[in-house]
PDB file of N, CA and C in Angstrom:
ATOM      1  N   MET A   1     -19.835  13.064 106.478  1.00  0.00           N
ATOM      2  CA  MET A   1     -19.587  11.640 106.460  1.00  0.00           C
ATOM      3  C   MET A   1     -18.483  11.309 107.462  1.00  0.00           C
ATOM      4  N   ILE A   2     -18.586  10.109 107.980  1.00  0.00           N
ATOM      5  CA  ILE A   2     -17.575   9.657 108.931  1.00  0.00           C
ATOM      6  C   ILE A   2     -16.725   8.581 108.263  1.00  0.00           C
ATOM      7  N   PHE A   3     -15.410   8.759 108.339  1.00  0.00           N
ATOM      8  CA  PHE A   3     -14.457   7.834 107.737  1.00  0.00           C
ATOM      9  C   PHE A   3     -13.580   7.231 108.829  1.00  0.00           C
ATOM     10  N   ILE A   4     -13.379   5.929 108.742  1.00  0.00           N
ATOM     11  CA  ILE A   4     -12.472   5.230 109.650  1.00  0.00           C
ATOM     12  C   ILE A   4     -11.325   4.719 108.791  1.00  0.00           C
ATOM     13  N   THR A   5     -10.134   5.221 109.059  1.00  0.00           N
ATOM     14  CA  THR A   5      -8.963   4.817 108.275  1.00  0.00           C
ATOM     15  C   THR A   5      -7.923   4.221 109.203  1.00  0.00           C
ATOM     16  N   GLN A   6      -7.356   3.111 108.767  1.00  0.00           N
ATOM     17  CA  GLN A   6      -6.255   2.509 109.500  1.00  0.00           C
ATOM     18  C   GLN A   6      -5.095   2.326 108.538  1.00  0.00           C
ATOM     19  N   GLY A   7      -3.908   2.255 109.096  1.00  0.00           N
ATOM     20  CA  GLY A   7      -2.734   2.101 108.256  1.00  0.00           C
ATOM     21  C   GLY A   7      -1.498   1.819 109.079  1.00  0.00           C
ATOM     22  N   ARG A   8      -0.381   1.853 108.379  1.00  0.00           N
ATOM     23  CA  ARG A   8       0.903   1.587 109.021  1.00  0.00           C
ATOM     24  C   ARG A   8       1.837   2.757 108.770  1.00  0.00           C
ATOM     25  N   TYR A   9       2.733   2.982 109.702  1.00  0.00           N
ATOM     26  CA  TYR A   9       3.777   3.985 109.532  1.00  0.00           C
ATOM     27  C   TYR A   9       4.961   3.352 108.819  1.00  0.00           C
ATOM     28  N   THR A  10       5.650   4.132 108.016  1.00  0.00           N
ATOM     29  CA  THR A  10       6.875   3.654 107.377  1.00  0.00           C
ATOM     30  C   THR A  10       8.015   3.710 108.392  1.00  0.00           C
ATOM     31  N   GLU A  11       9.101   3.054 108.051  1.00  0.00           N
ATOM     32  CA  GLU A  11      10.287   3.095 108.915  1.00  0.00           C
ATOM     33  C   GLU A  11      10.753   4.540 109.098  1.00  0.00           C
ATOM     34  N   HIS A  12      10.686   5.317 108.025  1.00  0.00           N
ATOM     35  CA  HIS A  12      11.081   6.731 108.082  1.00  0.00           C
ATOM     36  C   HIS A  12      10.246   7.495 109.118  1.00  0.00           C
ATOM     37  N   ALA A  13       8.937   7.281 109.111  1.00  0.00           N
ATOM     38  CA  ALA A  13       8.066   7.968 110.070  1.00  0.00           C
ATOM     39  C   ALA A  13       8.384   7.541 111.499  1.00  0.00           C
ATOM     40  N   LEU A  14       8.583   6.251 111.699  1.00  0.00           N
ATOM     41  CA  LEU A  14       8.884   5.757 113.044  1.00  0.00           C
ATOM     42  C   LEU A  14      10.218   6.293 113.551  1.00  0.00           C
ATOM     43  N   GLU A  15      11.202   6.405 112.667  1.00  0.00           N
ATOM     44  CA  GLU A  15      12.484   6.997 113.064  1.00  0.00           C
ATOM     45  C   GLU A  15      12.289   8.446 113.503  1.00  0.00           C
ATOM     46  N   GLY A  16      11.453   9.184 112.781  1.00  0.00           N
ATOM     47  CA  GLY A  16      11.165  10.569 113.153  1.00  0.00           C
ATOM     48  C   GLY A  16      10.468  10.671 114.496  1.00  0.00           C
ATOM     49  N   MET A  17       9.556   9.738 114.765  1.00  0.00           N
ATOM     50  CA  MET A  17       8.843   9.745 116.048  1.00  0.00           C
ATOM     51  C   MET A  17       9.779   9.409 117.198  1.00  0.00           C
ATOM     52  N   LEU A  18      10.741   8.516 116.944  1.00  0.00           N
ATOM     53  CA  LEU A  18      11.725   8.194 117.979  1.00  0.00           C
ATOM     54  C   LEU A  18      12.651   9.372 118.241  1.00  0.00           C
ATOM     55  N   ALA A  19      13.040  10.070 117.185  1.00  0.00           N
ATOM     56  CA  ALA A  19      13.945  11.214 117.328  1.00  0.00           C
ATOM     57  C   ALA A  19      13.266  12.379 118.032  1.00  0.00           C
ATOM     58  N   LYS A  20      11.969  12.555 117.764  1.00  0.00           N
ATOM     59  CA  LYS A  20      11.240  13.676 118.353  1.00  0.00           C
ATOM     60  C   LYS A  20       9.810  13.235 118.682  1.00  0.00           C
ATOM     61  N   PRO A  21       9.622  12.567 119.831  1.00  0.00           N
ATOM     62  CA  PRO A  21       8.280  12.128 120.202  1.00  0.00           C
ATOM     63  C   PRO A  21       7.326  13.321 120.345  1.00  0.00           C
ATOM     64  N   GLU A  22       6.147  13.188 119.747  1.00  0.00           N
ATOM     65  CA  GLU A  22       5.141  14.241 119.856  1.00  0.00           C
ATOM     66  C   GLU A  22       3.772  13.649 119.581  1.00  0.00           C
ATOM     67  N   ASP A  23       2.755  14.342 120.019  1.00  0.00           N
ATOM     68  CA  ASP A  23       1.377  13.948 119.749  1.00  0.00           C
ATOM     69  C   ASP A  23       1.024  14.429 118.343  1.00  0.00           C
ATOM     70  N   ARG A  24       1.044  13.533 117.366  1.00  0.00           N
ATOM     71  CA  ARG A  24       0.798  13.909 115.971  1.00  0.00           C
ATOM     72  C   ARG A  24      -0.654  14.304 115.712  1.00  0.00           C
ATOM     73  N   THR A  25      -1.540  14.032 116.663  1.00  0.00           N
ATOM     74  CA  THR A  25      -2.933  14.434 116.441  1.00  0.00           C
ATOM     75  C   THR A  25      -3.075  15.951 116.408  1.00  0.00           C
ATOM     76  N   VAL A  26      -2.144  16.678 117.016  1.00  0.00           N
ATOM     77  CA  VAL A  26      -2.198  18.142 116.990  1.00  0.00           C
ATOM     78  C   VAL A  26      -2.013  18.635 115.555  1.00  0.00           C
ATOM     79  N   ALA A  27      -0.941  18.203 114.902  1.00  0.00           N
ATOM     80  CA  ALA A  27      -0.683  18.613 113.517  1.00  0.00           C
ATOM     81  C   ALA A  27      -1.767  18.091 112.582  1.00  0.00           C
ATOM     82  N   PHE A  28      -2.215  16.857 112.805  1.00  0.00           N
ATOM     83  CA  PHE A  28      -3.247  16.263 111.956  1.00  0.00           C
ATOM     84  C   PHE A  28      -4.565  17.020 112.101  1.00  0.00           C
ATOM     85  N   SER A  29      -4.913  17.384 113.325  1.00  0.00           N
ATOM     86  CA  SER A  29      -6.143  18.156 113.553  1.00  0.00           C
ATOM     87  C   SER A  29      -6.080  19.512 112.866  1.00  0.00           C
ATOM     88  N   GLN A  30      -4.908  20.139 112.866  1.00  0.00           N
ATOM     89  CA  GLN A  30      -4.747  21.428 112.179  1.00  0.00           C
ATOM     90  C   GLN A  30      -4.951  21.270 110.676  1.00  0.00           C
ATOM     91  N   LEU A  31      -4.401  20.212 110.101  1.00  0.00           N
ATOM     92  CA  LEU A  31      -4.602  19.940 108.678  1.00  0.00           C
ATOM     93  C   LEU A  31      -6.082  19.711 108.385  1.00  0.00           C
ATOM     94  N   LEU A  32      -6.723  18.894 109.201  1.00  0.00           N
ATOM     95  CA  LEU A  32      -8.144  18.613 108.995  1.00  0.00           C
ATOM     96  C   LEU A  32      -8.971  19.885 109.067  1.00  0.00           C
ATOM     97  N   SER A  33      -8.684  20.717 110.038  1.00  0.00           N
ATOM     98  CA  SER A  33      -9.406  21.980 110.187  1.00  0.00           C
ATOM     99  C   SER A  33      -9.241  22.855 108.948  1.00  0.00           C
ATOM    100  N   ALA A  34      -8.034  22.929 108.418  1.00  0.00           N
ATOM    101  CA  ALA A  34      -7.779  23.720 107.210  1.00  0.00           C
ATOM    102  C   ALA A  34      -8.559  23.181 106.017  1.00  0.00           C
ATOM    103  N   ALA A  35      -8.845  21.871 106.034  1.00  0.00           N
ATOM    104  CA  ALA A  35      -9.576  21.233 104.940  1.00  0.00           C
ATOM    105  C   ALA A  35     -11.081  21.174 105.202  1.00  0.00           C
ATOM    106  N   GLY A  36     -11.530  21.738 106.325  1.00  0.00           N
ATOM    107  CA  GLY A  36     -12.953  21.719 106.646  1.00  0.00           C
ATOM    108  C   GLY A  36     -13.432  20.399 107.227  1.00  0.00           C
ATOM    109  N   ALA A  37     -12.508  19.596 107.750  1.00  0.00           N
ATOM    110  CA  ALA A  37     -12.848  18.310 108.359  1.00  0.00           C
ATOM    111  C   ALA A  37     -12.483  18.364 109.838  1.00  0.00           C
ATOM    112  N   ARG A  38     -12.827  17.297 110.569  1.00  0.00           N
ATOM    113  CA  ARG A  38     -12.456  17.280 111.987  1.00  0.00           C
ATOM    114  C   ARG A  38     -12.117  15.869 112.437  1.00  0.00           C
ATOM    115  N   LEU A  39     -11.178  15.813 113.359  1.00  0.00           N
ATOM    116  CA  LEU A  39     -10.764  14.545 113.946  1.00  0.00           C
ATOM    117  C   LEU A  39     -11.728  14.185 115.063  1.00  0.00           C
ATOM    118  N   ILE A  40     -12.346  13.028 114.958  1.00  0.00           N
ATOM    119  CA  ILE A  40     -13.213  12.546 116.031  1.00  0.00           C
ATOM    120  C   ILE A  40     -12.368  11.835 117.076  1.00  0.00           C
ATOM    121  N   ASP A  41     -11.478  10.947 116.621  1.00  0.00           N
ATOM    122  CA  ASP A  41     -10.569  10.273 117.555  1.00  0.00           C
ATOM    123  C   ASP A  41      -9.442   9.599 116.780  1.00  0.00           C
ATOM    124  N   ALA A  42      -8.378   9.284 117.483  1.00  0.00           N
ATOM    125  CA  ALA A  42      -7.223   8.616 116.881  1.00  0.00           C
ATOM    126  C   ALA A  42      -6.643   7.647 117.898  1.00  0.00           C
ATOM    127  N   TYR A  43      -6.138   6.532 117.404  1.00  0.00           N
ATOM    128  CA  TYR A  43      -5.604   5.496 118.275  1.00  0.00           C
ATOM    129  C   TYR A  43      -4.340   4.897 117.680  1.00  0.00           C
ATOM    130  N   TRP A  44      -3.411   4.517 118.544  1.00  0.00           N
ATOM    131  CA  TRP A  44      -2.353   3.591 118.170  1.00  0.00           C
ATOM    132  C   TRP A  44      -3.009   2.220 118.225  1.00  0.00           C
ATOM    133  N   THR A  45      -2.657   1.322 117.320  1.00  0.00           N
ATOM    134  CA  THR A  45      -3.222  -0.019 117.345  1.00  0.00           C
ATOM    135  C   THR A  45      -2.099  -1.041 117.229  1.00  0.00           C
ATOM    136  N   MET A  46      -2.364  -2.240 117.695  1.00  0.00           N
ATOM    137  CA  MET A  46      -1.395  -3.327 117.613  1.00  0.00           C
ATOM    138  C   MET A  46      -1.984  -4.413 116.736  1.00  0.00           C
ATOM    139  N   GLY A  47      -1.178  -4.967 115.877  1.00  0.00           N
ATOM    140  CA  GLY A  47      -1.652  -5.997 114.959  1.00  0.00           C
ATOM    141  C   GLY A  47      -1.315  -5.602 113.538  1.00  0.00           C
ATOM    142  N   GLU A  48      -2.273  -5.749 112.628  1.00  0.00           N
ATOM    143  CA  GLU A  48      -2.036  -5.443 111.212  1.00  0.00           C
ATOM    144  C   GLU A  48      -1.775  -3.967 110.964  1.00  0.00           C
ATOM    145  N   SER A  49      -2.317  -3.101 111.805  1.00  0.00           N
ATOM    146  CA  SER A  49      -2.189  -1.655 111.612  1.00  0.00           C
ATOM    147  C   SER A  49      -1.483  -1.023 112.795  1.00  0.00           C
ATOM    148  N   ASP A  50      -0.883   0.147 112.527  1.00  0.00           N
ATOM    149  CA  ASP A  50      -0.231   0.911 113.589  1.00  0.00           C
ATOM    150  C   ASP A  50      -1.156   1.970 114.173  1.00  0.00           C
ATOM    151  N   PHE A  51      -2.117   2.427 113.351  1.00  0.00           N
ATOM    152  CA  PHE A  51      -3.004   3.499 113.806  1.00  0.00           C
ATOM    153  C   PHE A  51      -4.395   3.349 113.208  1.00  0.00           C
ATOM    154  N   LEU A  52      -5.343   4.012 113.843  1.00  0.00           N
ATOM    155  CA  LEU A  52      -6.714   4.104 113.366  1.00  0.00           C
ATOM    156  C   LEU A  52      -7.190   5.512 113.667  1.00  0.00           C
ATOM    157  N   VAL A  53      -7.757   6.180 112.667  1.00  0.00           N
ATOM    158  CA  VAL A  53      -8.317   7.514 112.873  1.00  0.00           C
ATOM    159  C   VAL A  53      -9.780   7.503 112.463  1.00  0.00           C
ATOM    160  N   ILE A  54     -10.574   8.270 113.181  1.00  0.00           N
ATOM    161  CA  ILE A  54     -11.985   8.463 112.853  1.00  0.00           C
ATOM    162  C   ILE A  54     -12.146   9.944 112.566  1.00  0.00           C
ATOM    163  N   VAL A  55     -12.573  10.245 111.346  1.00  0.00           N
ATOM    164  CA  VAL A  55     -12.613  11.622 110.860  1.00  0.00           C
ATOM    165  C   VAL A  55     -13.979  11.918 110.272  1.00  0.00           C
ATOM    166  N   GLU A  56     -14.437  13.142 110.482  1.00  0.00           N
ATOM    167  CA  GLU A  56     -15.650  13.612 109.818  1.00  0.00           C
ATOM    168  C   GLU A  56     -15.233  14.590 108.726  1.00  0.00           C
ATOM    169  N   ALA A  57     -15.635  14.300 107.493  1.00  0.00           N
ATOM    170  CA  ALA A  57     -15.354  15.164 106.348  1.00  0.00           C
ATOM    171  C   ALA A  57     -16.628  15.286 105.521  1.00  0.00           C
ATOM    172  N   GLU A  58     -16.693  16.321 104.705  1.00  0.00           N
ATOM    173  CA  GLU A  58     -17.910  16.590 103.933  1.00  0.00           C
ATOM    174  C   GLU A  58     -18.286  15.437 103.009  1.00  0.00           C
ATOM    175  N   ASN A  59     -17.296  14.861 102.336  1.00  0.00           N
ATOM    176  CA  ASN A  59     -17.569  13.763 101.407  1.00  0.00           C
ATOM    177  C   ASN A  59     -16.273  13.001 101.144  1.00  0.00           C
ATOM    178  N   GLU A  60     -16.387  11.958 100.326  1.00  0.00           N
ATOM    179  CA  GLU A  60     -15.218  11.114 100.068  1.00  0.00           C
ATOM    180  C   GLU A  60     -14.124  11.856  99.313  1.00  0.00           C
ATOM    181  N   HIS A  61     -14.488  12.827  98.482  1.00  0.00           N
ATOM    182  CA  HIS A  61     -13.476  13.592  97.749  1.00  0.00           C
ATOM    183  C   HIS A  61     -12.614  14.418  98.704  1.00  0.00           C
ATOM    184  N   GLU A  62     -13.247  15.019  99.700  1.00  0.00           N
ATOM    185  CA  GLU A  62     -12.496  15.798 100.694  1.00  0.00           C
ATOM    186  C   GLU A  62     -11.555  14.898 101.487  1.00  0.00           C
ATOM    187  N   TRP A  63     -12.040  13.720 101.857  1.00  0.00           N
ATOM    188  CA  TRP A  63     -11.196  12.801 102.619  1.00  0.00           C
ATOM    189  C   TRP A  63     -10.050  12.284 101.753  1.00  0.00           C
ATOM    190  N   MET A  64     -10.325  12.015 100.476  1.00  0.00           N
ATOM    191  CA  MET A  64      -9.272  11.522  99.577  1.00  0.00           C
ATOM    192  C   MET A  64      -8.144  12.532  99.415  1.00  0.00           C
ATOM    193  N   LYS A  65      -8.466  13.821  99.342  1.00  0.00           N
ATOM    194  CA  LYS A  65      -7.382  14.799  99.176  1.00  0.00           C
ATOM    195  C   LYS A  65      -6.525  14.884 100.437  1.00  0.00           C
ATOM    196  N   ILE A  66      -7.130  14.712 101.601  1.00  0.00           N
ATOM    197  CA  ILE A  66      -6.366  14.699 102.853  1.00  0.00           C
ATOM    198  C   ILE A  66      -5.470  13.460 102.900  1.00  0.00           C
ATOM    199  N   LEU A  67      -6.027  12.302 102.536  1.00  0.00           N
ATOM    200  CA  LEU A  67      -5.227  11.075 102.511  1.00  0.00           C
ATOM    201  C   LEU A  67      -4.093  11.177 101.502  1.00  0.00           C
ATOM    202  N   ALA A  68      -4.380  11.747 100.336  1.00  0.00           N
ATOM    203  CA  ALA A  68      -3.341  11.892  99.311  1.00  0.00           C
ATOM    204  C   ALA A  68      -2.187  12.738  99.827  1.00  0.00           C
ATOM    205  N   LEU A  69      -2.510  13.830 100.489  1.00  0.00           N
ATOM    206  CA  LEU A  69      -1.462  14.703 101.020  1.00  0.00           C
ATOM    207  C   LEU A  69      -0.645  13.993 102.090  1.00  0.00           C
ATOM    208  N   THR A  70      -1.317  13.389 103.055  1.00  0.00           N
ATOM    209  CA  THR A  70      -0.579  12.755 104.151  1.00  0.00           C
ATOM    210  C   THR A  70       0.224  11.552 103.656  1.00  0.00           C
ATOM    211  N   ALA A  71      -0.314  10.784 102.727  1.00  0.00           N
ATOM    212  CA  ALA A  71       0.420   9.631 102.196  1.00  0.00           C
ATOM    213  C   ALA A  71       1.614  10.072 101.359  1.00  0.00           C
ATOM    214  N   SER A  72       1.510  11.232 100.714  1.00  0.00           N
ATOM    215  CA  SER A  72       2.604  11.703  99.848  1.00  0.00           C
ATOM    216  C   SER A  72       3.861  12.078 100.626  1.00  0.00           C
ATOM    217  N   THR A  73       3.756  12.222 101.936  1.00  0.00           N
ATOM    218  CA  THR A  73       4.928  12.570 102.743  1.00  0.00           C
ATOM    219  C   THR A  73       5.872  11.390 102.925  1.00  0.00           C
ATOM    220  N   GLY A  74       5.410  10.195 102.571  1.00  0.00           N
ATOM    221  CA  GLY A  74       6.244   9.008 102.708  1.00  0.00           C
ATOM    222  C   GLY A  74       6.200   8.386 104.085  1.00  0.00           C
ATOM    223  N   GLY A  75       5.326   8.866 104.950  1.00  0.00           N
ATOM    224  CA  GLY A  75       5.270   8.352 106.312  1.00  0.00           C
ATOM    225  C   GLY A  75       4.210   7.295 106.554  1.00  0.00           C
ATOM    226  N   LEU A  76       3.315   7.100 105.577  1.00  0.00           N
ATOM    227  CA  LEU A  76       2.207   6.166 105.764  1.00  0.00           C
ATOM    228  C   LEU A  76       2.185   5.127 104.657  1.00  0.00           C
ATOM    229  N   ARG A  77       1.634   3.961 104.990  1.00  0.00           N
ATOM    230  CA  ARG A  77       1.448   2.923 103.977  1.00  0.00           C
ATOM    231  C   ARG A  77       0.292   2.021 104.387  1.00  0.00           C
ATOM    232  N   ASP A  78      -0.145   1.217 103.459  1.00  0.00           N
ATOM    233  CA  ASP A  78      -1.203   0.226 103.709  1.00  0.00           C
ATOM    234  C   ASP A  78      -2.467   0.862 104.285  1.00  0.00           C
ATOM    235  N   LEU A  79      -2.900   1.961 103.702  1.00  0.00           N
ATOM    236  CA  LEU A  79      -4.093   2.650 104.188  1.00  0.00           C
ATOM    237  C   LEU A  79      -5.356   1.908 103.765  1.00  0.00           C
ATOM    238  N   LYS A  80      -6.294   1.794 104.685  1.00  0.00           N
ATOM    239  CA  LYS A  80      -7.596   1.174 104.429  1.00  0.00           C
ATOM    240  C   LYS A  80      -8.650   2.077 105.048  1.00  0.00           C
ATOM    241  N   THR A  81      -9.668   2.407 104.276  1.00  0.00           N
ATOM    242  CA  THR A  81     -10.709   3.309 104.762  1.00  0.00           C
ATOM    243  C   THR A  81     -12.075   2.652 104.665  1.00  0.00           C
ATOM    244  N   MET A  82     -12.876   2.860 105.692  1.00  0.00           N
ATOM    245  CA  MET A  82     -14.277   2.444 105.707  1.00  0.00           C
ATOM    246  C   MET A  82     -15.124   3.683 105.938  1.00  0.00           C
ATOM    247  N   VAL A  83     -16.332   3.674 105.391  1.00  0.00           N
ATOM    248  CA  VAL A  83     -17.298   4.732 105.676  1.00  0.00           C
ATOM    249  C   VAL A  83     -18.175   4.227 106.811  1.00  0.00           C
ATOM    250  N   ALA A  84     -18.349   5.039 107.827  1.00  0.00           N
ATOM    251  CA  ALA A  84     -19.204   4.672 108.950  1.00  0.00           C
ATOM    252  C   ALA A  84     -20.563   5.344 108.787  1.00  0.00           C
ATOM    253  N   VAL A  85     -21.608   4.617 109.123  1.00  0.00           N
ATOM    254  CA  VAL A  85     -22.975   5.121 109.035  1.00  0.00           C
ATOM    255  C   VAL A  85     -23.568   5.063 110.435  1.00  0.00           C
ATOM    256  N   THR A  86     -24.192   6.140 110.865  1.00  0.00           N
ATOM    257  CA  THR A  86     -24.798   6.143 112.195  1.00  0.00           C
ATOM    258  C   THR A  86     -25.939   5.129 112.241  1.00  0.00           C
ATOM    259  N   THR A  87     -26.287   4.695 113.426  1.00  0.00           N
ATOM    260  CA  THR A  87     -27.399   3.754 113.547  1.00  0.00           C
ATOM    261  C   THR A  87     -28.707   4.390 113.084  1.00  0.00           C
ATOM    262  N   ALA A  88     -28.865   5.688 113.290  1.00  0.00           N
ATOM    263  CA  ALA A  88     -30.074   6.381 112.823  1.00  0.00           C
ATOM    264  C   ALA A  88     -30.147   6.360 111.296  1.00  0.00           C
ATOM    265  N   ASP A  89     -29.022   6.601 110.623  1.00  0.00           N
ATOM    266  CA  ASP A  89     -29.003   6.542 109.163  1.00  0.00           C
ATOM    267  C   ASP A  89     -29.189   5.109 108.672  1.00  0.00           C
ATOM    268  N   GLY A  90     -28.676   4.152 109.405  1.00  0.00           N
ATOM    269  CA  GLY A  90     -28.896   2.747 109.064  1.00  0.00           C
ATOM    270  C   GLY A  90     -30.370   2.387 109.134  1.00  0.00           C
ATOM    271  N   GLU A  91     -31.053   2.894 110.155  1.00  0.00           N
ATOM    272  CA  GLU A  91     -32.493   2.653 110.284  1.00  0.00           C
ATOM    273  C   GLU A  91     -33.240   3.232 109.086  1.00  0.00           C
ATOM    274  N   LYS A  92     -32.871   4.440 108.667  1.00  0.00           N
ATOM    275  CA  LYS A  92     -33.507   5.061 107.498  1.00  0.00           C
ATOM    276  C   LYS A  92     -33.274   4.228 106.244  1.00  0.00           C
ATOM    277  N   ALA A  93     -32.081   3.680 106.108  1.00  0.00           N
ATOM    278  CA  ALA A  93     -31.772   2.844 104.947  1.00  0.00           C
ATOM    279  C   ALA A  93     -32.656   1.602 104.923  1.00  0.00           C
ATOM    280  N   PHE A  94     -32.852   0.968 106.072  1.00  0.00           N
ATOM    281  CA  PHE A  94     -33.704  -0.217 106.125  1.00  0.00           C
ATOM    282  C   PHE A  94     -35.166   0.136 105.875  1.00  0.00           C
ATOM    283  N   GLU A  95     -35.599   1.306 106.331  1.00  0.00           N
ATOM    284  CA  GLU A  95     -36.957   1.755 106.023  1.00  0.00           C
ATOM    285  C   GLU A  95     -37.125   1.928 104.517  1.00  0.00           C
ATOM    286  N   GLY A  96     -36.126   2.516 103.866  1.00  0.00           N
ATOM    287  CA  GLY A  96     -36.168   2.678 102.416  1.00  0.00           C
ATOM    288  C   GLY A  96     -36.150   1.337 101.693  1.00  0.00           C
ATOM    289  N   ALA A  97     -35.349   0.402 102.196  1.00  0.00           N
ATOM    290  CA  ALA A  97     -35.293  -0.932 101.596  1.00  0.00           C
ATOM    291  C   ALA A  97     -36.643  -1.628 101.723  1.00  0.00           C
ATOM    292  N   ARG A  98     -37.285  -1.472 102.856  1.00  0.00           N
ATOM    293  CA  ARG A  98     -38.607  -2.076 103.057  1.00  0.00           C
ATOM    294  C   ARG A  98     -39.596  -1.519 102.046  1.00  0.00           C
ATOM    295  N   ALA A  99     -39.535  -0.207 101.784  1.00  0.00           N
ATOM    296  CA  ALA A  99     -40.443   0.424 100.823  1.00  0.00           C
ATOM    297  C   ALA A  99     -40.202  -0.097  99.401  1.00  0.00           C
ATOM    298  N   LEU A 100     -38.981  -0.484  99.089  1.00  0.00           N
ATOM    299  CA  LEU A 100     -38.648  -0.996  97.757  1.00  0.00           C
ATOM    300  C   LEU A 100     -38.914  -2.494  97.591  1.00  0.00           C
ATOM    301  N   LYS A 101     -39.147  -3.182  98.679  1.00  0.00           N
ATOM    302  CA  LYS A 101     -39.224  -4.646  98.669  1.00  0.00           C
ATOM    303  C   LYS A 101     -40.215  -5.181  97.644  1.00  0.00           C
ATOM    304  N   ALA A 102     -41.363  -4.549  97.471  1.00  0.00           N
ATOM    305  CA  ALA A 102     -42.389  -5.036  96.542  1.00  0.00           C
ATOM    306  C   ALA A 102     -41.924  -4.970  95.088  1.00  0.00           C
ATOM    307  N   SER A 103     -40.935  -4.154  94.781  1.00  0.00           N
ATOM    308  CA  SER A 103     -40.482  -3.998  93.395  1.00  0.00           C
ATOM    309  C   SER A 103     -39.307  -4.915  93.041  1.00  0.00           C
ATOM    310  N   PHE A 104     -38.950  -5.831  93.934  1.00  0.00           N
ATOM    311  CA  PHE A 104     -37.796  -6.697  93.691  1.00  0.00           C
ATOM    312  C   PHE A 104     -38.130  -8.119  94.097  1.00  0.00           C
ATOM    313  N   HIS A 105     -37.660  -9.075  93.318  1.00  0.00           N
ATOM    314  CA  HIS A 105     -37.805 -10.479  93.700  1.00  0.00           C
ATOM    315  C   HIS A 105     -36.468 -11.196  93.487  1.00  0.00           C
ATOM    316  N   PRO A 106     -36.164 -12.175  94.336  1.00  0.00           N
ATOM    317  CA  PRO A 106     -34.910 -12.912  94.216  1.00  0.00           C
ATOM    318  C   PRO A 106     -34.850 -13.703  92.909  1.00  0.00           C
ATOM    319  N   ALA A 107     -33.660 -14.013  92.464  1.00  0.00           N
ATOM    320  CA  ALA A 107     -33.477 -14.809  91.250  1.00  0.00           C
ATOM    321  C   ALA A 107     -34.204 -16.142  91.380  1.00  0.00           C
ATOM    322  N   GLY A 108     -34.871 -16.545  90.316  1.00  0.00           N
ATOM    323  CA  GLY A 108     -35.575 -17.824  90.303  1.00  0.00           C
ATOM    324  C   GLY A 108     -36.967 -17.772  90.897  1.00  0.00           C
ATOM    325  N   GLU A 109     -37.389 -16.617  91.371  1.00  0.00           N
ATOM    326  CA  GLU A 109     -38.739 -16.468  91.932  1.00  0.00           C
ATOM    327  C   GLU A 109     -39.500 -15.436  91.120  1.00  0.00           C
ATOM    328  N   ASP A 110     -40.800 -15.682  90.962  1.00  0.00           N
ATOM    329  CA  ASP A 110     -41.649 -14.715  90.234  1.00  0.00           C
ATOM    330  C   ASP A 110     -42.359 -13.790  91.179  1.00  0.00           C
TER     331      ASP A 110
END
């Protein structure tokens, strides 16, 4: 599964980055690898969030344990996660919905 998570850094994390600038994707990629996941890409963002990461993990439980660990360090806040679906999987979903269409009718219609 592909997860897109965005969030904000705490003041503590930003102070650490100022004191010792480094590419945090290296450490994050190592953590993901240890958990059987992989970093697809990471970005600094401007606006409501400070960062956005795109990660591939086996399932939502695996991603939740990674988020729990990283959030527990006190460096992250306001995390929001979306599940991304490939266009090919989206097409399969619509094919399945089409197959189910005959078994469903909108409210107020027979």
